[in-house]
Amino acid sequence: MSRSWQQDTPSVIFSCTKGLVAILIGELVREGRLDLDAPATTYWPEFAAQDKESIPVRWLLSHRAGSCHPSRSSARRHHGLGPDGASARR
């Protein structure tokens, strides 16, 4: 049994912004405001953590940077949390 589309029908929107982002990235490159071969840290200095300072922007956009799933422990350290989720900062 199928239901017709309604105003409140839930839908999956995974990856719906990829096309728009591709257009925007292309425009930034065309305007000289983004260099795909520059280190990502040129635009995002904090990305250098954990020996990632030489990864180019191009790798981030093509899913080749190896940063798709940070470990929970590194996320906890980044946010100053201990293993139990409590603040490790005193």
C-alpha atoms as a PDB file:
ATOM      1  CA  MET A   1       0.000   0.000   0.000  1.00  0.00           C
ATOM      2  CA  SER A   2       1.525   3.308  -0.998  1.00  0.00           C
ATOM      3  CA  ARG A   3       0.692   6.723   0.302  1.00  0.00           C
ATOM      4  CA  SER A   4       0.654   9.786  -1.928  1.00  0.00           C
ATOM      5  CA  TRP A   5       3.086  12.589  -1.210  1.00  0.00           C
ATOM      6  CA  GLN A   6       1.827  14.958   1.462  1.00  0.00           C
ATOM      7  CA  GLN A   7       3.190  18.165   2.957  1.00  0.00           C
ATOM      8  CA  ASP A   8       4.443  16.223   6.015  1.00  0.00           C
ATOM      9  CA  THR A   9       5.799  13.169   4.147  1.00  0.00           C
ATOM     10  CA  PRO A  10       9.305  12.375   5.448  1.00  0.00           C
ATOM     11  CA  SER A  11      12.026  12.049   2.838  1.00  0.00           C
ATOM     12  CA  VAL A  12      15.690  11.176   2.711  1.00  0.00           C
ATOM     13  CA  ILE A  13      17.898  14.068   1.644  1.00  0.00           C
ATOM     14  CA  PHE A  14      21.358  12.527   1.844  1.00  0.00           C
ATOM     15  CA  SER A  15      23.813  14.263  -0.474  1.00  0.00           C
ATOM     16  CA  CYS A  16      21.267  16.815  -1.657  1.00  0.00           C
ATOM     17  CA  THR A  17      23.780  19.661  -1.373  1.00  0.00           C
ATOM     18  CA  LYS A  18      26.636  18.046  -3.340  1.00  0.00           C
ATOM     19  CA  GLY A  19      25.631  19.674  -6.616  1.00  0.00           C
ATOM     20  CA  LEU A  20      25.384  23.136  -5.104  1.00  0.00           C
ATOM     21  CA  VAL A  21      28.698  22.755  -3.283  1.00  0.00           C
ATOM     22  CA  ALA A  22      30.361  21.597  -6.525  1.00  0.00           C
ATOM     23  CA  ILE A  23      29.116  24.744  -8.283  1.00  0.00           C
ATOM     24  CA  LEU A  24      30.293  26.982  -5.439  1.00  0.00           C
ATOM     25  CA  ILE A  25      33.716  25.304  -5.263  1.00  0.00           C
ATOM     26  CA  GLY A  26      34.078  25.698  -9.027  1.00  0.00           C
ATOM     27  CA  GLU A  27      33.274  29.397  -8.780  1.00  0.00           C
ATOM     28  CA  LEU A  28      35.777  29.904  -5.951  1.00  0.00           C
ATOM     29  CA  VAL A  29      38.470  28.165  -8.006  1.00  0.00           C
ATOM     30  CA  ARG A  30      37.584  30.185 -11.122  1.00  0.00           C
ATOM     31  CA  GLU A  31      37.803  33.424  -9.118  1.00  0.00           C
ATOM     32  CA  GLY A  32      41.192  32.411  -7.691  1.00  0.00           C
ATOM     33  CA  ARG A  33      39.854  32.368  -4.138  1.00  0.00           C
ATOM     34  CA  LEU A  34      40.403  28.617  -3.632  1.00  0.00           C
ATOM     35  CA  ASP A  35      43.421  26.545  -4.676  1.00  0.00           C
ATOM     36  CA  LEU A  36      42.575  22.845  -4.818  1.00  0.00           C
ATOM     37  CA  ASP A  37      46.248  21.886  -4.469  1.00  0.00           C
ATOM     38  CA  ALA A  38      46.912  24.112  -1.447  1.00  0.00           C
ATOM     39  CA  PRO A  39      47.073  22.485   1.969  1.00  0.00           C
ATOM     40  CA  ALA A  40      43.641  22.504   3.615  1.00  0.00           C
ATOM     41  CA  THR A  41      45.291  24.308   6.533  1.00  0.00           C
ATOM     42  CA  THR A  42      45.588  27.394   4.308  1.00  0.00           C
ATOM     43  CA  TYR A  43      41.852  27.836   4.815  1.00  0.00           C
ATOM     44  CA  TRP A  44      41.278  25.746   7.971  1.00  0.00           C
ATOM     45  CA  PRO A  45      44.328  25.967  10.303  1.00  0.00           C
ATOM     46  CA  GLU A  46      42.841  23.616  12.916  1.00  0.00           C
ATOM     47  CA  PHE A  47      42.825  20.802  10.346  1.00  0.00           C
ATOM     48  CA  ALA A  48      46.568  20.365  10.948  1.00  0.00           C
ATOM     49  CA  ALA A  49      45.926  18.388  14.149  1.00  0.00           C
ATOM     50  CA  GLN A  50      47.145  14.787  14.159  1.00  0.00           C
ATOM     51  CA  ASP A  51      49.654  15.154  11.305  1.00  0.00           C
ATOM     52  CA  LYS A  52      47.182  16.302   8.626  1.00  0.00           C
ATOM     53  CA  GLU A  53      48.975  19.544   7.715  1.00  0.00           C
ATOM     54  CA  SER A  54      49.969  18.430   4.203  1.00  0.00           C
ATOM     55  CA  ILE A  55      46.560  17.187   2.990  1.00  0.00           C
ATOM     56  CA  PRO A  56      45.421  19.270  -0.002  1.00  0.00           C
ATOM     57  CA  VAL A  57      41.924  20.701  -0.382  1.00  0.00           C
ATOM     58  CA  ARG A  58      41.448  18.437  -3.428  1.00  0.00           C
ATOM     59  CA  TRP A  59      41.677  15.334  -1.199  1.00  0.00           C
ATOM     60  CA  LEU A  60      38.993  16.642   1.134  1.00  0.00           C
ATOM     61  CA  LEU A  61      36.626  17.166  -1.773  1.00  0.00           C
ATOM     62  CA  SER A  62      37.284  13.715  -3.252  1.00  0.00           C
ATOM     63  CA  HIS A  63      37.073  11.755   0.019  1.00  0.00           C
ATOM     64  CA  ARG A  64      40.772  10.833  -0.117  1.00  0.00           C
ATOM     65  CA  ALA A  65      41.912  12.638   3.062  1.00  0.00           C
ATOM     66  CA  GLY A  66      41.167   9.703   5.364  1.00  0.00           C
ATOM     67  CA  SER A  67      39.244  11.828   7.845  1.00  0.00           C
ATOM     68  CA  CYS A  68      35.725  10.539   7.308  1.00  0.00           C
ATOM     69  CA  HIS A  69      35.263   8.973  10.743  1.00  0.00           C
ATOM     70  CA  PRO A  70      37.275  10.355  13.665  1.00  0.00           C
ATOM     71  CA  SER A  71      37.678   8.016  16.584  1.00  0.00           C
ATOM     72  CA  ARG A  72      35.680   8.723  19.695  1.00  0.00           C
ATOM     73  CA  SER A  73      38.855   9.102  21.725  1.00  0.00           C
ATOM     74  CA  SER A  74      40.215  11.817  19.420  1.00  0.00           C
ATOM     75  CA  ALA A  75      36.856  13.614  19.498  1.00  0.00           C
ATOM     76  CA  ARG A  76      36.864  13.456  23.298  1.00  0.00           C
ATOM     77  CA  ARG A  77      40.402  14.854  23.431  1.00  0.00           C
ATOM     78  CA  HIS A  78      39.448  17.631  21.012  1.00  0.00           C
ATOM     79  CA  HIS A  79      36.570  18.677  23.256  1.00  0.00           C
ATOM     80  CA  GLY A  80      38.586  18.276  26.467  1.00  0.00           C
ATOM     81  CA  LEU A  81      36.611  15.275  27.708  1.00  0.00           C
ATOM     82  CA  GLY A  82      37.854  12.226  29.556  1.00  0.00           C
ATOM     83  CA  PRO A  83      36.998   8.602  28.664  1.00  0.00           C
ATOM     84  CA  ASP A  84      33.720   8.782  30.587  1.00  0.00           C
ATOM     85  CA  GLY A  85      32.611  11.994  28.832  1.00  0.00           C
ATOM     86  CA  ALA A  86      33.298  14.182  31.883  1.00  0.00           C
ATOM     87  CA  SER A  87      35.410  17.273  31.469  1.00  0.00           C
ATOM     88  CA  ALA A  88      39.102  16.466  31.700  1.00  0.00           C
ATOM     89  CA  ARG A  89      39.931  20.150  32.187  1.00  0.00           C
ATOM     90  CA  ARG A  90      40.322  21.363  35.700  1.00  0.00           C
END
